[in-house]
PDB file of N, CA and C in Angstrom:
ATOM      1  N   UNK A   1    -169.528   2.112 139.665  1.00  0.00           N
ATOM      2  CA  UNK A   1    -170.258   3.245 140.188  1.00  0.00           C
ATOM      3  C   UNK A   1    -171.723   2.845 140.279  1.00  0.00           C
ATOM      4  N   UNK A   2    -172.359   3.167 141.378  1.00  0.00           N
ATOM      5  CA  UNK A   2    -173.762   2.843 141.602  1.00  0.00           C
ATOM      6  C   UNK A   2    -174.468   4.096 142.097  1.00  0.00           C
ATOM      7  N   UNK A   3    -175.583   4.413 141.486  1.00  0.00           N
ATOM      8  CA  UNK A   3    -176.391   5.546 141.921  1.00  0.00           C
ATOM      9  C   UNK A   3    -177.840   5.115 141.986  1.00  0.00           C
ATOM     10  N   UNK A   4    -178.550   5.597 142.998  1.00  0.00           N
ATOM     11  CA  UNK A   4    -179.975   5.304 143.125  1.00  0.00           C
ATOM     12  C   UNK A   4    -180.695   6.553 143.603  1.00  0.00           C
ATOM     13  N   UNK A   5    -181.809   6.846 142.956  1.00  0.00           N
ATOM     14  CA  UNK A   5    -182.683   7.941 143.370  1.00  0.00           C
ATOM     15  C   UNK A   5    -184.018   7.309 143.724  1.00  0.00           C
ATOM     16  N   UNK A   6    -184.383   7.391 145.000  1.00  0.00           N
ATOM     17  CA  UNK A   6    -185.643   6.828 145.460  1.00  0.00           C
ATOM     18  C   UNK A   6    -186.767   7.773 145.046  1.00  0.00           C
ATOM     19  N   UNK A   7    -187.698   7.273 144.246  1.00  0.00           N
ATOM     20  CA  UNK A   7    -188.805   8.094 143.761  1.00  0.00           C
ATOM     21  C   UNK A   7    -189.991   8.052 144.720  1.00  0.00           C
ATOM     22  N   UNK A   8    -190.293   6.880 145.227  1.00  0.00           N
ATOM     23  CA  UNK A   8    -191.345   6.713 146.238  1.00  0.00           C
ATOM     24  C   UNK A   8    -191.120   5.370 146.921  1.00  0.00           C
ATOM     25  N   UNK A   9    -192.082   4.891 147.696  1.00  0.00           N
ATOM     26  CA  UNK A   9    -191.908   3.637 148.438  1.00  0.00           C
ATOM     27  C   UNK A   9    -191.818   2.401 147.548  1.00  0.00           C
ATOM     28  N   UNK A  10    -192.177   2.519 146.273  1.00  0.00           N
ATOM     29  CA  UNK A  10    -192.190   1.352 145.393  1.00  0.00           C
ATOM     30  C   UNK A  10    -191.264   1.457 144.190  1.00  0.00           C
ATOM     31  N   UNK A  11    -190.730   2.636 143.901  1.00  0.00           N
ATOM     32  CA  UNK A  11    -189.918   2.787 142.691  1.00  0.00           C
ATOM     33  C   UNK A  11    -188.645   3.587 142.965  1.00  0.00           C
ATOM     34  N   UNK A  12    -187.638   3.318 142.128  1.00  0.00           N
ATOM     35  CA  UNK A  12    -186.373   4.042 142.203  1.00  0.00           C
ATOM     36  C   UNK A  12    -185.743   4.065 140.821  1.00  0.00           C
ATOM     37  N   UNK A  13    -184.980   5.107 140.545  1.00  0.00           N
ATOM     38  CA  UNK A  13    -184.146   5.162 139.347  1.00  0.00           C
ATOM     39  C   UNK A  13    -182.764   4.672 139.764  1.00  0.00           C
ATOM     40  N   UNK A  14    -182.263   3.649 139.083  1.00  0.00           N
ATOM     41  CA  UNK A  14    -180.984   3.045 139.450  1.00  0.00           C
ATOM     42  C   UNK A  14    -180.044   3.075 138.254  1.00  0.00           C
ATOM     43  N   UNK A  15    -178.799   3.452 138.503  1.00  0.00           N
ATOM     44  CA  UNK A  15    -177.762   3.454 137.477  1.00  0.00           C
ATOM     45  C   UNK A  15    -176.582   2.644 137.991  1.00  0.00           C
ATOM     46  N   UNK A  16    -176.120   1.691 137.181  1.00  0.00           N
ATOM     47  CA  UNK A  16    -174.949   0.886 137.517  1.00  0.00           C
ATOM     48  C   UNK A  16    -173.963   1.013 136.361  1.00  0.00           C
ATOM     49  N   UNK A  17    -172.770   1.493 136.648  1.00  0.00           N
ATOM     50  CA  UNK A  17    -171.735   1.679 135.636  1.00  0.00           C
ATOM     51  C   UNK A  17    -170.647   0.639 135.878  1.00  0.00           C
ATOM     52  N   UNK A  18    -170.471  -0.280 134.918  1.00  0.00           N
ATOM     53  CA  UNK A  18    -169.497  -1.359 135.056  1.00  0.00           C
ATOM     54  C   UNK A  18    -168.438  -1.264 133.969  1.00  0.00           C
ATOM     55  N   UNK A  19    -167.206  -1.490 134.335  1.00  0.00           N
ATOM     56  CA  UNK A  19    -166.129  -1.610 133.355  1.00  0.00           C
ATOM     57  C   UNK A  19    -165.967  -3.091 133.049  1.00  0.00           C
ATOM     58  N   UNK A  20    -166.592  -3.543 131.980  1.00  0.00           N
ATOM     59  CA  UNK A  20    -166.569  -4.962 131.627  1.00  0.00           C
ATOM     60  C   UNK A  20    -165.418  -5.262 130.682  1.00  0.00           C
ATOM     61  N   UNK A  21    -164.875  -6.447 130.830  1.00  0.00           N
ATOM     62  CA  UNK A  21    -163.790  -6.858 129.948  1.00  0.00           C
ATOM     63  C   UNK A  21    -164.200  -8.025 129.060  1.00  0.00           C
ATOM     64  N   UNK A  22    -165.467  -8.398 129.093  1.00  0.00           N
ATOM     65  CA  UNK A  22    -165.964  -9.444 128.207  1.00  0.00           C
ATOM     66  C   UNK A  22    -167.376  -9.091 127.768  1.00  0.00           C
ATOM     67  N   UNK A  23    -167.790  -9.671 126.656  1.00  0.00           N
ATOM     68  CA  UNK A  23    -169.133  -9.414 126.142  1.00  0.00           C
ATOM     69  C   UNK A  23    -170.140 -10.223 126.930  1.00  0.00           C
ATOM     70  N   UNK A  24    -171.222  -9.561 127.318  1.00  0.00           N
ATOM     71  CA  UNK A  24    -172.296 -10.249 128.035  1.00  0.00           C
ATOM     72  C   UNK A  24    -173.632  -9.840 127.439  1.00  0.00           C
ATOM     73  N   UNK A  25    -174.621 -10.678 127.648  1.00  0.00           N
ATOM     74  CA  UNK A  25    -175.981 -10.408 127.221  1.00  0.00           C
ATOM     75  C   UNK A  25    -176.842 -10.379 128.474  1.00  0.00           C
ATOM     76  N   UNK A  26    -177.519  -9.255 128.724  1.00  0.00           N
ATOM     77  CA  UNK A  26    -178.391  -9.127 129.894  1.00  0.00           C
ATOM     78  C   UNK A  26    -179.839  -9.112 129.415  1.00  0.00           C
ATOM     79  N   UNK A  27    -180.653 -10.022 129.949  1.00  0.00           N
ATOM     80  CA  UNK A  27    -182.051 -10.163 129.540  1.00  0.00           C
ATOM     81  C   UNK A  27    -182.939 -10.043 130.770  1.00  0.00           C
ATOM     82  N   UNK A  28    -183.998  -9.229 130.658  1.00  0.00           N
ATOM     83  CA  UNK A  28    -184.995  -9.126 131.723  1.00  0.00           C
ATOM     84  C   UNK A  28    -185.966 -10.287 131.550  1.00  0.00           C
ATOM     85  N   UNK A  29    -185.891 -11.262 132.443  1.00  0.00           N
ATOM     86  CA  UNK A  29    -186.724 -12.458 132.374  1.00  0.00           C
ATOM     87  C   UNK A  29    -187.774 -12.380 133.477  1.00  0.00           C
ATOM     88  N   UNK A  30    -188.928 -11.841 133.148  1.00  0.00           N
ATOM     89  CA  UNK A  30    -190.040 -11.707 134.089  1.00  0.00           C
ATOM     90  C   UNK A  30    -189.630 -10.970 135.358  1.00  0.00           C
ATOM     91  N   UNK A  31    -188.927  -9.855 135.184  1.00  0.00           N
ATOM     92  CA  UNK A  31    -188.541  -9.025 136.323  1.00  0.00           C
ATOM     93  C   UNK A  31    -187.216  -9.381 136.964  1.00  0.00           C
ATOM     94  N   UNK A  32    -186.563 -10.448 136.502  1.00  0.00           N
ATOM     95  CA  UNK A  32    -185.256 -10.839 137.033  1.00  0.00           C
ATOM     96  C   UNK A  32    -184.238 -10.764 135.908  1.00  0.00           C
ATOM     97  N   UNK A  33    -183.109 -10.129 136.175  1.00  0.00           N
ATOM     98  CA  UNK A  33    -182.078  -9.998 135.156  1.00  0.00           C
ATOM     99  C   UNK A  33    -181.246 -11.270 135.078  1.00  0.00           C
ATOM    100  N   UNK A  34    -181.082 -11.765 133.858  1.00  0.00           N
ATOM    101  CA  UNK A  34    -180.241 -12.929 133.582  1.00  0.00           C
ATOM    102  C   UNK A  34    -179.077 -12.434 132.729  1.00  0.00           C
ATOM    103  N   UNK A  35    -177.857 -12.659 133.197  1.00  0.00           N
ATOM    104  CA  UNK A  35    -176.664 -12.199 132.486  1.00  0.00           C
ATOM    105  C   UNK A  35    -175.887 -13.421 132.024  1.00  0.00           C
ATOM    106  N   UNK A  36    -175.607 -13.477 130.715  1.00  0.00           N
ATOM    107  CA  UNK A  36    -174.885 -14.607 130.133  1.00  0.00           C
ATOM    108  C   UNK A  36    -173.665 -14.107 129.382  1.00  0.00           C
ATOM    109  N   UNK A  37    -172.581 -14.835 129.494  1.00  0.00           N
ATOM    110  CA  UNK A  37    -171.388 -14.538 128.723  1.00  0.00           C
ATOM    111  C   UNK A  37    -171.610 -15.018 127.291  1.00  0.00           C
ATOM    112  N   UNK A  38    -171.213 -14.207 126.317  1.00  0.00           N
ATOM    113  CA  UNK A  38    -171.330 -14.618 124.918  1.00  0.00           C
ATOM    114  C   UNK A  38    -169.944 -14.616 124.285  1.00  0.00           C
ATOM    115  N   UNK A  39    -169.768 -15.433 123.291  1.00  0.00           N
ATOM    116  CA  UNK A  39    -168.453 -15.560 122.662  1.00  0.00           C
ATOM    117  C   UNK A  39    -168.095 -14.292 121.900  1.00  0.00           C
ATOM    118  N   UNK A  40    -166.805 -14.089 121.766  1.00  0.00           N
ATOM    119  CA  UNK A  40    -166.303 -12.940 121.024  1.00  0.00           C
ATOM    120  C   UNK A  40    -166.521 -13.174 119.530  1.00  0.00           C
ATOM    121  N   UNK A  41    -166.719 -12.105 118.778  1.00  0.00           N
ATOM    122  CA  UNK A  41    -166.889 -12.281 117.332  1.00  0.00           C
ATOM    123  C   UNK A  41    -165.581 -12.765 116.701  1.00  0.00           C
ATOM    124  N   UNK A  42    -165.699 -13.371 115.551  1.00  0.00           N
ATOM    125  CA  UNK A  42    -164.509 -13.841 114.832  1.00  0.00           C
ATOM    126  C   UNK A  42    -163.655 -12.646 114.430  1.00  0.00           C
ATOM    127  N   UNK A  43    -162.360 -12.843 114.444  1.00  0.00           N
ATOM    128  CA  UNK A  43    -161.437 -11.797 114.033  1.00  0.00           C
ATOM    129  C   UNK A  43    -161.458 -11.722 112.505  1.00  0.00           C
ATOM    130  N   UNK A  44    -161.899 -10.606 111.919  1.00  0.00           N
ATOM    131  CA  UNK A  44    -162.001 -10.539 110.454  1.00  0.00           C
ATOM    132  C   UNK A  44    -160.645 -10.674 109.761  1.00  0.00           C
ATOM    133  N   UNK A  45    -159.554 -10.318 110.447  1.00  0.00           N
ATOM    134  CA  UNK A  45    -158.233 -10.421 109.836  1.00  0.00           C
ATOM    135  C   UNK A  45    -157.834 -11.876 109.603  1.00  0.00           C
ATOM    136  N   UNK A  46    -158.399 -12.810 110.376  1.00  0.00           N
ATOM    137  CA  UNK A  46    -158.096 -14.226 110.184  1.00  0.00           C
ATOM    138  C   UNK A  46    -158.646 -14.753 108.860  1.00  0.00           C
ATOM    139  N   UNK A  47    -159.666 -14.100 108.323  1.00  0.00           N
ATOM    140  CA  UNK A  47    -160.300 -14.577 107.097  1.00  0.00           C
ATOM    141  C   UNK A  47    -159.804 -13.860 105.843  1.00  0.00           C
ATOM    142  N   UNK A  48    -159.038 -12.805 106.006  1.00  0.00           N
ATOM    143  CA  UNK A  48    -158.513 -12.082 104.852  1.00  0.00           C
ATOM    144  C   UNK A  48    -157.359 -12.862 104.249  1.00  0.00           C
ATOM    145  N   UNK A  49    -157.376 -12.989 102.932  1.00  0.00           N
ATOM    146  CA  UNK A  49    -156.291 -13.682 102.242  1.00  0.00           C
ATOM    147  C   UNK A  49    -155.309 -12.632 101.732  1.00  0.00           C
ATOM    148  N   UNK A  50    -154.065 -12.848 102.057  1.00  0.00           N
ATOM    149  CA  UNK A  50    -153.031 -11.920 101.595  1.00  0.00           C
ATOM    150  C   UNK A  50    -151.960 -12.710 100.859  1.00  0.00           C
ATOM    151  N   UNK A  51    -151.350 -12.064  99.886  1.00  0.00           N
ATOM    152  CA  UNK A  51    -150.264 -12.685  99.133  1.00  0.00           C
ATOM    153  C   UNK A  51    -149.105 -11.722  99.096  1.00  0.00           C
ATOM    154  N   UNK A  52    -147.936 -12.287  99.185  1.00  0.00           N
ATOM    155  CA  UNK A  52    -146.735 -11.443  99.098  1.00  0.00           C
ATOM    156  C   UNK A  52    -145.909 -11.844  97.917  1.00  0.00           C
TER     157      UNK A  52
END
């Protein structure tokens, strides 16, 4: 979903709604957005020790 409200000749309010299936990091780098994929966190269940 994308929405934009033009405020004047130089500015606008913009909304972007994304259904993401992976973790990403978005950084504003001097006015340009840089989006990087980041690794998933470790599964905490893998580190739990269980005994039967």
